[in-house]
């Protein structure tokens, strides 16, 4: 277990915040992994407890640890929201095997909804920094641009990394105050077929709310994608 101090926090989308913490020199992880965070002597608690699992949103090259989360009206999230710099939390990890495959001949197709973007942000940043040759396609679904955490950063990463393609899609633009020239509607087979090269044999990575992950797994299964080629992370309670 490590104790780490908050460095800064910021809002990165409507209802979503990003927190930067000091990274212990000995804390090593692979992009896409997660950690368990426990509040230290919080002023309030509730039945959900003081510990949560978070995907690490920062890449291993960065000199801090970042987590991002949807802010809900729970004791944990209220405490996190009100936290001031230098406040300490305890972490354990890293955990999980949700990281990029090694076979560079097979593209990685990321299917993400909402806050499920966090492990993909880390993987894409890591791949870009290391100049890895993997072909990456990110399908990123949100209701509105206002809800899409890291959207501008991902657009900039696409400019930096010629092997990375961002397909952002919005499902509820009628409620948005912004203009949008990208895809609209839910991720479906037609959208995947439009961007994924035929016979490219990708490996699929799914992350987001449990209902979204279930829908994507069903979609891929319907089109005879082998379970061996599907990896997923469900984000519950966020």
C-alpha atoms as a PDB file:
ATOM      1  CA  UNK A   1       0.000   0.000   0.000  1.00  0.00           C
ATOM      2  CA  UNK A   2       1.131   3.526  -0.794  1.00  0.00           C
ATOM      3  CA  UNK A   3      -0.022   6.884   0.513  1.00  0.00           C
ATOM      4  CA  UNK A   4      -0.124   9.568  -2.155  1.00  0.00           C
ATOM      5  CA  UNK A   5      -0.959  13.265  -2.008  1.00  0.00           C
ATOM      6  CA  UNK A   6      -3.365  15.161  -4.217  1.00  0.00           C
ATOM      7  CA  UNK A   7      -1.606  17.578  -6.570  1.00  0.00           C
ATOM      8  CA  UNK A   8      -4.546  19.101  -8.438  1.00  0.00           C
ATOM      9  CA  UNK A   9      -8.066  18.505  -9.710  1.00  0.00           C
ATOM     10  CA  UNK A  10     -10.098  19.790 -12.640  1.00  0.00           C
ATOM     11  CA  UNK A  11     -13.417  19.326 -14.402  1.00  0.00           C
ATOM     12  CA  UNK A  12     -12.921  17.539 -17.748  1.00  0.00           C
ATOM     13  CA  UNK A  13     -16.589  17.157 -18.779  1.00  0.00           C
ATOM     14  CA  UNK A  14     -20.025  17.861 -17.364  1.00  0.00           C
ATOM     15  CA  UNK A  15     -20.137  15.901 -14.107  1.00  0.00           C
ATOM     16  CA  UNK A  16     -16.657  14.398 -14.573  1.00  0.00           C
ATOM     17  CA  UNK A  17     -13.472  15.354 -12.731  1.00  0.00           C
ATOM     18  CA  UNK A  18      -9.806  14.470 -13.152  1.00  0.00           C
ATOM     19  CA  UNK A  19      -7.515  14.147 -10.121  1.00  0.00           C
ATOM     20  CA  UNK A  20      -3.712  14.221 -10.229  1.00  0.00           C
ATOM     21  CA  UNK A  21      -1.761  12.584  -7.405  1.00  0.00           C
ATOM     22  CA  UNK A  22       1.944  12.374  -6.660  1.00  0.00           C
ATOM     23  CA  UNK A  23       3.325   9.108  -8.057  1.00  0.00           C
ATOM     24  CA  UNK A  24       5.618   7.016  -5.853  1.00  0.00           C
ATOM     25  CA  UNK A  25       8.928   6.355  -7.612  1.00  0.00           C
ATOM     26  CA  UNK A  26       8.559   2.609  -7.049  1.00  0.00           C
ATOM     27  CA  UNK A  27       4.965   2.387  -8.383  1.00  0.00           C
ATOM     28  CA  UNK A  28       5.196   0.678 -11.788  1.00  0.00           C
ATOM     29  CA  UNK A  29       2.236  -0.233 -14.000  1.00  0.00           C
ATOM     30  CA  UNK A  30       1.162  -0.886 -17.562  1.00  0.00           C
ATOM     31  CA  UNK A  31      -1.205   1.460 -19.354  1.00  0.00           C
ATOM     32  CA  UNK A  32      -4.742   0.132 -18.930  1.00  0.00           C
ATOM     33  CA  UNK A  33      -4.299  -1.218 -15.409  1.00  0.00           C
ATOM     34  CA  UNK A  34      -6.244  -0.081 -12.339  1.00  0.00           C
ATOM     35  CA  UNK A  35      -5.723   0.669  -8.664  1.00  0.00           C
ATOM     36  CA  UNK A  36      -7.792   0.616  -5.478  1.00  0.00           C
ATOM     37  CA  UNK A  37      -8.059   3.976  -3.720  1.00  0.00           C
ATOM     38  CA  UNK A  38      -9.045   4.345  -0.059  1.00  0.00           C
ATOM     39  CA  UNK A  39      -9.878   7.626   1.636  1.00  0.00           C
ATOM     40  CA  UNK A  40      -7.841   8.286   4.782  1.00  0.00           C
ATOM     41  CA  UNK A  41      -9.964   9.357   7.749  1.00  0.00           C
ATOM     42  CA  UNK A  42     -12.750  10.947   5.654  1.00  0.00           C
ATOM     43  CA  UNK A  43     -15.148  13.363   7.340  1.00  0.00           C
ATOM     44  CA  UNK A  44     -18.075  11.227   6.220  1.00  0.00           C
ATOM     45  CA  UNK A  45     -18.729   7.722   4.979  1.00  0.00           C
ATOM     46  CA  UNK A  46     -21.706   5.641   3.899  1.00  0.00           C
ATOM     47  CA  UNK A  47     -22.711   2.059   3.166  1.00  0.00           C
ATOM     48  CA  UNK A  48     -20.635   1.996  -0.031  1.00  0.00           C
ATOM     49  CA  UNK A  49     -17.457   2.359   2.022  1.00  0.00           C
ATOM     50  CA  UNK A  50     -14.232   4.300   1.591  1.00  0.00           C
ATOM     51  CA  UNK A  51     -12.561   2.303  -1.189  1.00  0.00           C
ATOM     52  CA  UNK A  52     -13.101   2.408  -4.946  1.00  0.00           C
ATOM     53  CA  UNK A  53     -11.374   0.831  -7.943  1.00  0.00           C
ATOM     54  CA  UNK A  54     -10.205   3.237 -10.639  1.00  0.00           C
ATOM     55  CA  UNK A  55      -8.535   2.740 -13.979  1.00  0.00           C
ATOM     56  CA  UNK A  56      -5.311   4.721 -14.098  1.00  0.00           C
ATOM     57  CA  UNK A  57      -5.948   7.530 -16.585  1.00  0.00           C
ATOM     58  CA  UNK A  58      -2.329   8.674 -16.850  1.00  0.00           C
ATOM     59  CA  UNK A  59       0.327   6.978 -18.947  1.00  0.00           C
ATOM     60  CA  UNK A  60       3.377   5.416 -17.261  1.00  0.00           C
ATOM     61  CA  UNK A  61       5.584   8.153 -18.742  1.00  0.00           C
ATOM     62  CA  UNK A  62       3.818  10.894 -16.783  1.00  0.00           C
ATOM     63  CA  UNK A  63       5.232  11.907 -13.410  1.00  0.00           C
ATOM     64  CA  UNK A  64       1.865  11.706 -11.623  1.00  0.00           C
ATOM     65  CA  UNK A  65      -1.018   9.270 -11.188  1.00  0.00           C
ATOM     66  CA  UNK A  66      -4.364  10.400 -12.551  1.00  0.00           C
ATOM     67  CA  UNK A  67      -7.863   9.063 -12.050  1.00  0.00           C
ATOM     68  CA  UNK A  68     -11.083  10.416 -13.526  1.00  0.00           C
ATOM     69  CA  UNK A  69     -14.590   9.763 -12.325  1.00  0.00           C
ATOM     70  CA  UNK A  70     -18.200  10.753 -12.719  1.00  0.00           C
ATOM     71  CA  UNK A  71     -19.242  12.736  -9.659  1.00  0.00           C
ATOM     72  CA  UNK A  72     -22.221  11.255  -7.834  1.00  0.00           C
ATOM     73  CA  UNK A  73     -23.889  12.292  -4.594  1.00  0.00           C
ATOM     74  CA  UNK A  74     -22.170   9.745  -2.357  1.00  0.00           C
ATOM     75  CA  UNK A  75     -19.937  10.254   0.668  1.00  0.00           C
ATOM     76  CA  UNK A  76     -16.884   9.028  -1.246  1.00  0.00           C
ATOM     77  CA  UNK A  77     -17.460  11.327  -4.218  1.00  0.00           C
ATOM     78  CA  UNK A  78     -18.319  14.332  -2.049  1.00  0.00           C
ATOM     79  CA  UNK A  79     -15.088  13.832  -0.110  1.00  0.00           C
ATOM     80  CA  UNK A  80     -13.111  13.461  -3.335  1.00  0.00           C
ATOM     81  CA  UNK A  81     -14.733  16.562  -4.835  1.00  0.00           C
ATOM     82  CA  UNK A  82     -13.873  18.687  -1.785  1.00  0.00           C
ATOM     83  CA  UNK A  83     -10.339  17.392  -1.372  1.00  0.00           C
ATOM     84  CA  UNK A  84      -7.631  20.049  -1.224  1.00  0.00           C
ATOM     85  CA  UNK A  85      -4.036  19.719  -2.488  1.00  0.00           C
ATOM     86  CA  UNK A  86      -1.703  17.659  -0.277  1.00  0.00           C
ATOM     87  CA  UNK A  87      -4.577  15.572   1.099  1.00  0.00           C
ATOM     88  CA  UNK A  88      -3.418  11.973   1.226  1.00  0.00           C
ATOM     89  CA  UNK A  89      -5.217   8.846   0.036  1.00  0.00           C
ATOM     90  CA  UNK A  90      -4.061   5.232   0.189  1.00  0.00           C
ATOM     91  CA  UNK A  91      -3.699   3.116  -2.961  1.00  0.00           C
ATOM     92  CA  UNK A  92      -3.053  -0.527  -3.734  1.00  0.00           C
ATOM     93  CA  UNK A  93      -2.146  -2.051  -7.074  1.00  0.00           C
ATOM     94  CA  UNK A  94      -1.680  -2.053  -9.921  1.00  0.00           C
ATOM     95  CA  UNK A  95      -4.286  -4.628 -10.888  1.00  0.00           C
ATOM     96  CA  UNK A  96      -5.621  -6.220 -14.059  1.00  0.00           C
ATOM     97  CA  UNK A  97      -4.512  -7.337 -17.499  1.00  0.00           C
ATOM     98  CA  UNK A  98      -6.487  -4.809 -19.550  1.00  0.00           C
ATOM     99  CA  UNK A  99      -3.479  -3.645 -21.530  1.00  0.00           C
ATOM    100  CA  UNK A 100      -2.458  -3.630 -25.178  1.00  0.00           C
ATOM    101  CA  UNK A 101      -1.615  -6.922 -26.882  1.00  0.00           C
ATOM    102  CA  UNK A 102       1.888  -7.426 -28.250  1.00  0.00           C
ATOM    103  CA  UNK A 103       1.100  -8.627 -31.797  1.00  0.00           C
ATOM    104  CA  UNK A 104       1.537  -5.443 -33.838  1.00  0.00           C
ATOM    105  CA  UNK A 105      -0.019  -7.058 -36.935  1.00  0.00           C
ATOM    106  CA  UNK A 106      -3.456  -7.079 -35.294  1.00  0.00           C
ATOM    107  CA  UNK A 107      -5.235  -3.738 -34.809  1.00  0.00           C
ATOM    108  CA  UNK A 108      -6.690  -2.772 -31.441  1.00  0.00           C
ATOM    109  CA  UNK A 109     -10.310  -1.653 -31.596  1.00  0.00           C
ATOM    110  CA  UNK A 110     -11.425   0.207 -28.468  1.00  0.00           C
ATOM    111  CA  UNK A 111     -15.172   0.480 -27.801  1.00  0.00           C
ATOM    112  CA  UNK A 112     -15.798   3.003 -25.054  1.00  0.00           C
ATOM    113  CA  UNK A 113     -18.721   4.767 -23.454  1.00  0.00           C
ATOM    114  CA  UNK A 114     -18.551   7.664 -21.005  1.00  0.00           C
ATOM    115  CA  UNK A 115     -16.024   7.308 -18.188  1.00  0.00           C
ATOM    116  CA  UNK A 116     -14.871   4.009 -19.725  1.00  0.00           C
ATOM    117  CA  UNK A 117     -12.468   6.188 -21.714  1.00  0.00           C
ATOM    118  CA  UNK A 118      -9.925   6.288 -18.864  1.00  0.00           C
ATOM    119  CA  UNK A 119      -7.915   3.099 -19.595  1.00  0.00           C
ATOM    120  CA  UNK A 120      -7.938   3.895 -23.315  1.00  0.00           C
ATOM    121  CA  UNK A 121      -6.624   7.387 -22.689  1.00  0.00           C
ATOM    122  CA  UNK A 122      -3.669   5.838 -20.856  1.00  0.00           C
ATOM    123  CA  UNK A 123      -3.064   3.198 -23.547  1.00  0.00           C
ATOM    124  CA  UNK A 124      -3.251   5.682 -26.434  1.00  0.00           C
ATOM    125  CA  UNK A 125      -0.965   8.176 -24.682  1.00  0.00           C
ATOM    126  CA  UNK A 126       1.505   5.403 -23.833  1.00  0.00           C
ATOM    127  CA  UNK A 127       1.487   4.019 -27.380  1.00  0.00           C
ATOM    128  CA  UNK A 128       2.012   7.503 -28.811  1.00  0.00           C
ATOM    129  CA  UNK A 129       4.882   8.329 -26.435  1.00  0.00           C
ATOM    130  CA  UNK A 130       6.638   5.006 -27.134  1.00  0.00           C
ATOM    131  CA  UNK A 131       6.088   5.285 -30.902  1.00  0.00           C
ATOM    132  CA  UNK A 132       4.614   1.787 -30.982  1.00  0.00           C
ATOM    133  CA  UNK A 133       3.444   0.641 -34.443  1.00  0.00           C
ATOM    134  CA  UNK A 134       0.065  -0.766 -33.345  1.00  0.00           C
ATOM    135  CA  UNK A 135      -2.972   0.357 -35.323  1.00  0.00           C
ATOM    136  CA  UNK A 136      -5.496   1.802 -32.852  1.00  0.00           C
ATOM    137  CA  UNK A 137      -9.171   2.605 -33.519  1.00  0.00           C
ATOM    138  CA  UNK A 138     -11.183   4.217 -30.724  1.00  0.00           C
ATOM    139  CA  UNK A 139     -14.972   4.303 -30.950  1.00  0.00           C
ATOM    140  CA  UNK A 140     -16.027   6.731 -28.202  1.00  0.00           C
ATOM    141  CA  UNK A 141     -19.743   7.152 -27.475  1.00  0.00           C
ATOM    142  CA  UNK A 142     -21.269   9.960 -25.398  1.00  0.00           C
ATOM    143  CA  UNK A 143     -24.617  11.694 -25.219  1.00  0.00           C
ATOM    144  CA  UNK A 144     -23.156  15.132 -26.059  1.00  0.00           C
ATOM    145  CA  UNK A 145     -19.718  16.704 -26.577  1.00  0.00           C
ATOM    146  CA  UNK A 146     -20.186  18.327 -23.172  1.00  0.00           C
ATOM    147  CA  UNK A 147     -20.152  14.829 -21.616  1.00  0.00           C
ATOM    148  CA  UNK A 148     -17.078  13.558 -23.489  1.00  0.00           C
ATOM    149  CA  UNK A 149     -14.061  13.637 -21.179  1.00  0.00           C
ATOM    150  CA  UNK A 150     -10.682  14.155 -22.916  1.00  0.00           C
ATOM    151  CA  UNK A 151     -12.305  14.680 -26.330  1.00  0.00           C
ATOM    152  CA  UNK A 152     -10.025  17.538 -27.381  1.00  0.00           C
ATOM    153  CA  UNK A 153      -6.956  15.733 -26.064  1.00  0.00           C
ATOM    154  CA  UNK A 154      -7.869  12.608 -28.042  1.00  0.00           C
ATOM    155  CA  UNK A 155      -8.339  14.715 -31.172  1.00  0.00           C
ATOM    156  CA  UNK A 156      -4.842  16.111 -30.659  1.00  0.00           C
ATOM    157  CA  UNK A 157      -3.408  12.630 -30.091  1.00  0.00           C
ATOM    158  CA  UNK A 158      -4.869  11.586 -33.431  1.00  0.00           C
ATOM    159  CA  UNK A 159      -2.870  14.383 -35.072  1.00  0.00           C
ATOM    160  CA  UNK A 160       0.310  13.219 -33.323  1.00  0.00           C
ATOM    161  CA  UNK A 161      -0.091   9.490 -33.925  1.00  0.00           C
ATOM    162  CA  UNK A 162      -0.650   8.427 -37.552  1.00  0.00           C
ATOM    163  CA  UNK A 163      -1.651   4.941 -36.376  1.00  0.00           C
ATOM    164  CA  UNK A 164      -4.510   6.191 -34.192  1.00  0.00           C
ATOM    165  CA  UNK A 165      -8.037   6.878 -35.455  1.00  0.00           C
ATOM    166  CA  UNK A 166     -10.693   8.485 -33.236  1.00  0.00           C
ATOM    167  CA  UNK A 167     -14.343   7.837 -34.048  1.00  0.00           C
ATOM    168  CA  UNK A 168     -16.352   9.903 -31.576  1.00  0.00           C
ATOM    169  CA  UNK A 169     -20.128   9.577 -31.748  1.00  0.00           C
ATOM    170  CA  UNK A 170     -22.917  11.457 -29.965  1.00  0.00           C
ATOM    171  CA  UNK A 171     -26.297   9.942 -29.140  1.00  0.00           C
ATOM    172  CA  UNK A 172     -28.285  12.920 -27.814  1.00  0.00           C
ATOM    173  CA  UNK A 173     -27.201  16.029 -29.721  1.00  0.00           C
ATOM    174  CA  UNK A 174     -30.694  17.509 -29.374  1.00  0.00           C
ATOM    175  CA  UNK A 175     -29.719  18.391 -25.800  1.00  0.00           C
ATOM    176  CA  UNK A 176     -26.337  19.885 -26.688  1.00  0.00           C
ATOM    177  CA  UNK A 177     -25.425  23.561 -26.951  1.00  0.00           C
ATOM    178  CA  UNK A 178     -22.442  22.774 -29.179  1.00  0.00           C
ATOM    179  CA  UNK A 179     -22.121  21.993 -32.861  1.00  0.00           C
ATOM    180  CA  UNK A 180     -20.968  18.540 -33.900  1.00  0.00           C
ATOM    181  CA  UNK A 181     -19.700  17.335 -37.272  1.00  0.00           C
ATOM    182  CA  UNK A 182     -18.785  13.785 -36.280  1.00  0.00           C
ATOM    183  CA  UNK A 183     -20.732  10.549 -36.093  1.00  0.00           C
ATOM    184  CA  UNK A 184     -24.121  10.381 -34.389  1.00  0.00           C
ATOM    185  CA  UNK A 185     -25.961   7.469 -32.841  1.00  0.00           C
ATOM    186  CA  UNK A 186     -24.913   4.375 -30.966  1.00  0.00           C
ATOM    187  CA  UNK A 187     -21.976   2.216 -31.963  1.00  0.00           C
ATOM    188  CA  UNK A 188     -23.355  -0.480 -34.254  1.00  0.00           C
ATOM    189  CA  UNK A 189     -22.169  -2.910 -36.894  1.00  0.00           C
ATOM    190  CA  UNK A 190     -22.501  -0.369 -39.713  1.00  0.00           C
ATOM    191  CA  UNK A 191     -20.282   2.102 -37.859  1.00  0.00           C
ATOM    192  CA  UNK A 192     -17.679  -0.550 -37.119  1.00  0.00           C
ATOM    193  CA  UNK A 193     -17.686  -1.758 -40.713  1.00  0.00           C
ATOM    194  CA  UNK A 194     -17.221   1.808 -41.946  1.00  0.00           C
ATOM    195  CA  UNK A 195     -13.900   2.247 -40.136  1.00  0.00           C
ATOM    196  CA  UNK A 196     -12.409  -1.196 -39.482  1.00  0.00           C
ATOM    197  CA  UNK A 197     -10.497  -2.538 -42.509  1.00  0.00           C
ATOM    198  CA  UNK A 198     -11.920  -5.792 -43.829  1.00  0.00           C
ATOM    199  CA  UNK A 199     -10.047  -8.947 -42.815  1.00  0.00           C
ATOM    200  CA  UNK A 200      -7.812  -7.005 -40.419  1.00  0.00           C
ATOM    201  CA  UNK A 201      -8.516  -9.412 -37.507  1.00  0.00           C
ATOM    202  CA  UNK A 202      -8.556  -6.864 -34.687  1.00  0.00           C
ATOM    203  CA  UNK A 203      -8.599  -7.507 -30.979  1.00  0.00           C
ATOM    204  CA  UNK A 204     -11.516  -5.708 -29.320  1.00  0.00           C
ATOM    205  CA  UNK A 205     -11.348  -3.888 -25.985  1.00  0.00           C
ATOM    206  CA  UNK A 206     -14.599  -2.801 -24.308  1.00  0.00           C
ATOM    207  CA  UNK A 207     -14.911  -0.395 -21.368  1.00  0.00           C
ATOM    208  CA  UNK A 208     -17.790   1.619 -19.992  1.00  0.00           C
ATOM    209  CA  UNK A 209     -21.066   1.206 -18.101  1.00  0.00           C
ATOM    210  CA  UNK A 210     -22.124  -2.412 -17.652  1.00  0.00           C
ATOM    211  CA  UNK A 211     -25.112  -2.044 -19.999  1.00  0.00           C
ATOM    212  CA  UNK A 212     -22.923  -0.607 -22.752  1.00  0.00           C
ATOM    213  CA  UNK A 213     -20.306  -3.345 -22.361  1.00  0.00           C
ATOM    214  CA  UNK A 214     -23.031  -6.011 -22.478  1.00  0.00           C
ATOM    215  CA  UNK A 215     -24.490  -4.474 -25.640  1.00  0.00           C
ATOM    216  CA  UNK A 216     -21.078  -4.372 -27.345  1.00  0.00           C
ATOM    217  CA  UNK A 217     -20.319  -7.964 -26.377  1.00  0.00           C
ATOM    218  CA  UNK A 218     -23.670  -9.044 -27.799  1.00  0.00           C
ATOM    219  CA  UNK A 219     -23.012  -7.092 -30.997  1.00  0.00           C
ATOM    220  CA  UNK A 220     -19.603  -8.675 -31.508  1.00  0.00           C
ATOM    221  CA  UNK A 221     -20.891 -12.150 -30.653  1.00  0.00           C
ATOM    222  CA  UNK A 222     -23.733 -11.753 -33.137  1.00  0.00           C
ATOM    223  CA  UNK A 223     -21.178 -11.115 -35.840  1.00  0.00           C
ATOM    224  CA  UNK A 224     -19.121 -14.138 -34.834  1.00  0.00           C
ATOM    225  CA  UNK A 225     -16.206 -12.386 -33.186  1.00  0.00           C
ATOM    226  CA  UNK A 226     -14.445 -14.983 -31.037  1.00  0.00           C
ATOM    227  CA  UNK A 227     -14.522 -14.452 -27.301  1.00  0.00           C
ATOM    228  CA  UNK A 228     -10.741 -14.934 -27.371  1.00  0.00           C
ATOM    229  CA  UNK A 229     -10.527 -11.640 -29.303  1.00  0.00           C
ATOM    230  CA  UNK A 230     -12.660  -9.615 -26.844  1.00  0.00           C
ATOM    231  CA  UNK A 231     -11.381  -8.051 -23.618  1.00  0.00           C
ATOM    232  CA  UNK A 232     -13.613  -5.952 -21.388  1.00  0.00           C
ATOM    233  CA  UNK A 233     -13.836  -3.843 -18.248  1.00  0.00           C
ATOM    234  CA  UNK A 234     -17.185  -2.888 -16.695  1.00  0.00           C
ATOM    235  CA  UNK A 235     -17.547   0.395 -14.825  1.00  0.00           C
ATOM    236  CA  UNK A 236     -20.272   0.106 -12.200  1.00  0.00           C
ATOM    237  CA  UNK A 237     -21.478   2.719  -9.751  1.00  0.00           C
ATOM    238  CA  UNK A 238     -19.903   5.628 -11.580  1.00  0.00           C
END
